Protein backbone atom coordinates (compact mmCIF):
# COMPACT_ATOMS: atom_id res chain seq x y z
CA UNK A 1 40.65 4.61 -0.20
CA UNK A 2 43.68 5.78 1.77
CA UNK A 3 46.08 2.87 2.32
CA UNK A 4 49.02 2.94 4.71
CA UNK A 5 52.10 1.17 3.35
CA UNK A 6 54.25 0.42 6.38
CA UNK A 7 58.00 0.93 6.06
CA UNK A 8 60.60 -0.59 8.38
CA UNK A 9 64.38 -0.37 8.22
CA UNK A 10 65.14 -2.95 5.53
CA UNK A 11 61.74 -2.91 3.79
CA UNK A 12 62.35 -3.03 0.03
CA UNK A 13 58.97 -3.73 -1.59
CA UNK A 14 57.20 -0.58 -0.41
CA UNK A 15 57.34 1.29 -3.71
CA UNK A 16 56.16 -1.78 -5.61
CA UNK A 17 53.17 -1.99 -3.27
CA UNK A 18 52.45 1.73 -3.64
CA UNK A 19 52.48 1.32 -7.44
CA UNK A 20 50.07 -1.62 -7.24
CA UNK A 21 47.72 0.17 -4.84
CA UNK A 22 47.57 3.04 -7.36
CA UNK A 23 46.91 0.58 -10.19
CA UNK A 24 44.00 -0.77 -8.17
CA UNK A 25 42.57 2.72 -7.68
CA UNK A 26 43.72 3.41 -4.11
CA UNK A 27 45.78 6.18 -2.55
CA UNK A 28 48.93 4.82 -0.88
CA UNK A 29 51.00 6.65 1.71
CA UNK A 30 54.32 5.47 3.11
CA UNK A 31 54.18 5.27 6.90
CA UNK A 32 57.25 4.72 9.08
CA UNK A 33 57.36 2.06 11.80
CA UNK A 34 57.55 4.82 14.43
CA UNK A 35 53.95 5.95 13.88
CA UNK A 36 51.21 4.69 16.19
CA UNK A 37 48.04 6.41 14.95
CA UNK A 38 46.75 4.92 11.69
CA UNK A 39 43.16 6.06 12.20
CA UNK A 40 43.21 8.27 9.08
CA UNK A 41 43.68 5.22 6.84
CA UNK A 42 41.09 2.79 5.47
CA UNK A 43 43.51 -0.12 5.36
CA UNK A 44 47.19 -1.08 5.44
CA UNK A 45 49.78 -3.20 3.67
CA UNK A 46 52.94 -4.50 5.35
CA UNK A 47 55.33 -5.04 2.39
CA UNK A 48 58.16 -7.49 1.97
CA UNK A 49 61.88 -7.00 2.43
CA UNK A 50 64.44 -7.80 5.09
CA UNK A 51 63.41 -5.65 8.04
CA UNK A 52 66.31 -5.26 10.46
CA UNK A 53 68.28 -7.72 8.35
CA UNK A 54 66.03 -10.60 9.52
CA UNK A 55 68.12 -10.78 12.69
CA UNK A 56 66.87 -13.03 15.53
CA UNK A 57 63.99 -14.30 13.37
CA UNK A 58 62.50 -12.71 10.27
CA UNK A 59 60.03 -10.07 11.47
CA UNK A 60 60.80 -10.49 15.17
CA UNK A 61 62.28 -7.03 15.75
CA UNK A 62 59.71 -5.25 13.58
CA UNK A 63 56.90 -6.89 15.55
CA UNK A 64 58.00 -4.89 18.62
CA UNK A 65 57.92 -1.44 16.95
CA UNK A 66 55.32 1.30 17.70
CA UNK A 67 53.34 0.90 14.46
CA UNK A 68 52.22 -2.60 15.48
CA UNK A 69 49.81 -1.11 18.02
CA UNK A 70 48.31 1.02 15.26
CA UNK A 71 47.93 -2.05 13.05
CA UNK A 72 46.32 -4.04 15.87
CA UNK A 73 43.82 -1.22 16.39
CA UNK A 74 43.09 -1.18 12.67
CA UNK A 75 42.49 -4.95 12.67
CA UNK A 76 40.28 -4.70 15.76
CA UNK A 77 38.26 -2.00 13.99
CA UNK A 78 37.65 -4.37 11.07
CA UNK A 79 39.82 -2.57 8.54
CA UNK A 80 41.72 -4.66 5.95
CA UNK A 81 45.40 -5.37 6.67
CA UNK A 82 47.60 -7.33 4.25
CA UNK A 83 51.03 -8.72 5.15
CA UNK A 84 53.24 -9.84 2.26
CA UNK A 85 56.34 -12.04 2.72
CA UNK A 86 58.36 -10.21 5.41
CA UNK A 87 55.06 -8.49 6.20
CA UNK A 88 53.53 -11.90 6.85
CA UNK A 89 56.46 -12.82 9.07
CA UNK A 90 55.99 -9.58 11.01
CA UNK A 91 52.25 -10.18 11.30
CA UNK A 92 52.67 -13.68 12.69
CA UNK A 93 55.39 -12.54 15.09
CA UNK A 94 52.93 -9.87 16.29
CA UNK A 95 50.17 -12.45 16.80
CA UNK A 96 47.84 -11.29 14.02
CA UNK A 97 47.06 -14.94 13.22
CA UNK A 98 48.10 -18.43 14.32
CA UNK A 99 51.29 -20.27 13.45
CA UNK A 100 54.82 -19.21 12.56
CA UNK A 101 57.15 -18.99 9.57
CA UNK A 102 60.53 -20.67 9.76
CA UNK A 103 63.45 -21.70 7.54
CA UNK A 104 62.67 -23.29 4.20
CA UNK A 105 63.06 -27.04 4.29
CA UNK A 106 66.10 -26.83 1.97
CA UNK A 107 67.68 -24.08 4.14
CA UNK A 108 68.05 -21.87 1.07
CA UNK A 109 66.54 -18.66 -0.29
CA UNK A 110 63.95 -19.47 -2.97
CA UNK A 111 62.94 -17.02 -5.70
CA UNK A 112 60.61 -18.37 -8.39
CA UNK A 113 57.09 -18.37 -9.79
CA UNK A 114 54.61 -20.66 -8.05
CA UNK A 115 50.92 -21.46 -8.22
CA UNK A 116 48.61 -20.97 -5.25
CA UNK A 117 45.00 -22.06 -4.83
CA UNK A 118 42.36 -19.87 -3.18
CA UNK A 119 41.00 -21.76 -0.18
CA UNK A 120 38.97 -18.91 1.31
CA UNK A 121 37.40 -16.21 -0.85
CA UNK A 122 35.57 -14.67 2.09
CA UNK A 123 38.16 -12.03 2.96
CA UNK A 124 38.54 -8.38 1.88
CA UNK A 125 41.43 -9.49 -0.36
CA UNK A 126 40.06 -12.66 -1.97
CA UNK A 127 36.42 -11.77 -2.61
CA UNK A 128 37.12 -11.17 -6.32
CA UNK A 129 38.42 -14.73 -6.72
CA UNK A 130 36.52 -17.99 -6.90
CA UNK A 131 37.17 -20.62 -4.26
CA UNK A 132 39.59 -23.08 -5.82
CA UNK A 133 40.90 -20.53 -8.35
CA UNK A 134 44.59 -20.94 -9.21
CA UNK A 135 46.86 -17.88 -9.20
CA UNK A 136 50.36 -17.55 -10.68
CA UNK A 137 52.40 -15.47 -8.22
CA UNK A 138 56.14 -15.38 -7.36
CA UNK A 139 57.83 -16.13 -4.05
CA UNK A 140 61.14 -14.79 -2.72
CA UNK A 141 62.00 -15.93 0.80
CA UNK A 142 64.31 -17.94 3.01
CA UNK A 143 61.93 -18.29 5.98
CA UNK A 144 58.61 -19.08 4.38
CA UNK A 145 57.79 -22.49 5.78
CA UNK A 146 54.50 -22.20 7.65
CA UNK A 147 54.21 -24.36 10.74
CA UNK A 148 51.85 -24.88 13.63
CA UNK A 149 50.94 -27.81 15.86
CA UNK A 150 48.23 -30.24 14.78
CA UNK A 151 45.59 -29.00 17.23
CA UNK A 152 46.04 -25.40 16.11
CA UNK A 153 46.00 -26.46 12.47
CA UNK A 154 42.66 -28.20 12.90
CA UNK A 155 41.30 -25.14 14.70
CA UNK A 156 42.40 -22.99 11.76
CA UNK A 157 40.55 -25.25 9.34
CA UNK A 158 37.42 -25.12 11.48
CA UNK A 159 37.58 -21.32 11.53
CA UNK A 160 38.40 -21.10 7.79
CA UNK A 161 41.71 -19.34 8.45
CA UNK A 162 43.70 -21.03 5.66
CA UNK A 163 43.50 -18.66 2.67
CA UNK A 164 46.01 -19.99 0.11
CA UNK A 165 47.81 -23.27 -0.60
CA UNK A 166 50.70 -24.04 -2.92
CA UNK A 167 49.51 -26.14 -5.86
CA UNK A 168 50.31 -26.98 -9.47
CA UNK A 169 48.85 -25.12 -12.45
CA UNK A 170 45.79 -27.40 -12.35
CA UNK A 171 45.12 -26.74 -8.68
CA UNK A 172 46.44 -30.06 -7.38
CA UNK A 173 48.05 -29.81 -3.93
CA UNK A 174 51.03 -32.18 -3.72
CA UNK A 175 54.34 -32.44 -1.90
CA UNK A 176 56.18 -31.95 -5.19
CA UNK A 177 54.85 -28.40 -5.66
CA UNK A 178 55.44 -27.35 -2.05
CA UNK A 179 58.41 -24.97 -2.44
CA UNK A 180 59.40 -24.56 1.21
CA UNK A 181 57.98 -27.45 3.22
CA UNK A 182 55.00 -25.57 4.67
CA UNK A 183 52.62 -27.80 6.59
CA UNK A 184 49.69 -28.77 4.33
CA UNK A 185 51.18 -26.56 1.56
CA UNK A 186 49.88 -23.45 3.34
CA UNK A 187 50.90 -20.23 1.56
CA UNK A 188 48.65 -17.73 3.35
CA UNK A 189 46.44 -17.44 6.41
CA UNK A 190 44.08 -14.95 7.99
CA UNK A 191 42.83 -13.94 11.43
CA UNK A 192 39.56 -15.20 12.89
CA UNK A 193 37.67 -12.13 11.67
CA UNK A 194 39.10 -12.61 8.14
CA UNK A 195 40.15 -8.95 7.70
CA UNK A 196 43.90 -9.58 8.09
CA UNK A 197 45.58 -11.81 5.49
CA UNK A 198 49.24 -12.84 5.72
CA UNK A 199 50.84 -14.59 2.73
CA UNK A 200 54.37 -15.40 1.56
CA UNK A 201 53.89 -14.99 -2.23
CA UNK A 202 54.16 -11.45 -3.65
CA UNK A 203 50.88 -10.36 -5.30
CA UNK A 204 52.34 -6.92 -6.09
CA UNK A 205 54.88 -8.67 -8.33
CA UNK A 206 52.01 -10.24 -10.26
CA UNK A 207 49.99 -7.09 -10.86
CA UNK A 208 50.64 -6.48 -14.58
CA UNK A 209 50.81 -8.91 -17.50
CA UNK A 210 54.17 -7.48 -18.53
CA UNK A 211 55.56 -8.92 -15.28
CA UNK A 212 54.42 -12.42 -16.22
CA UNK A 213 51.04 -12.41 -14.46
CA UNK A 214 48.41 -10.00 -13.21
CA UNK A 215 46.72 -12.57 -10.97
CA UNK A 216 47.66 -10.64 -7.82
CA UNK A 217 46.05 -7.33 -8.76
CA UNK A 218 42.57 -8.38 -7.65
CA UNK A 219 43.79 -8.65 -4.05
CA UNK A 220 44.39 -4.91 -4.08
CA UNK A 221 41.25 -4.11 -6.09
CA UNK A 222 39.20 -6.08 -3.59
CA UNK A 223 40.90 -4.38 -0.66
CA UNK A 224 40.02 -0.87 -1.80
CA UNK A 225 36.49 -1.63 -3.05
CA UNK A 226 33.62 -0.22 -1.03
């Protein structure tokens, strides 16, 4: 499958994502934020980084660039779109799903390994996991705290839009293992149609055992499977 890897000014995880897409058997192509027509691709990944220096809010400027219309068209057409870290921030700023991402509760940048639990395995990225499966994947962000109002949160649960939650190695969801203060330990969400997933942890950094974990590779394998 041909996968667009979107590049903004300040993106720094694009080559890592390209490497992981290749590992999974896909064909990645770097696509600049100025492009609008993504029809030749079967899916897309919005990588992490610090697009436009995270000025205003992380992802806010990128969400107004021309490529967003191409991504919206791709999502509307049912193609898989994955937003990772800054890519998740961009996706939420663009309205791809509900909620927002704001400053970590400790007001500091956090870079460490965490555990996340699969809450929804009915997406193009999580279908190779079991519901409740625990993944070891790193985070690296300063604005990763997911927040939404209570009514919207309950709507998301009803529509099965919560995809990942921070947990311990045994799958227990507690305040102690919540690295950034996200409401209900939410680490990743999806759109109503389930074909767009936005998560703060970096699955491309957990794609080979030599890195410390290969738990993230199946997200990309699932994405490019027929």
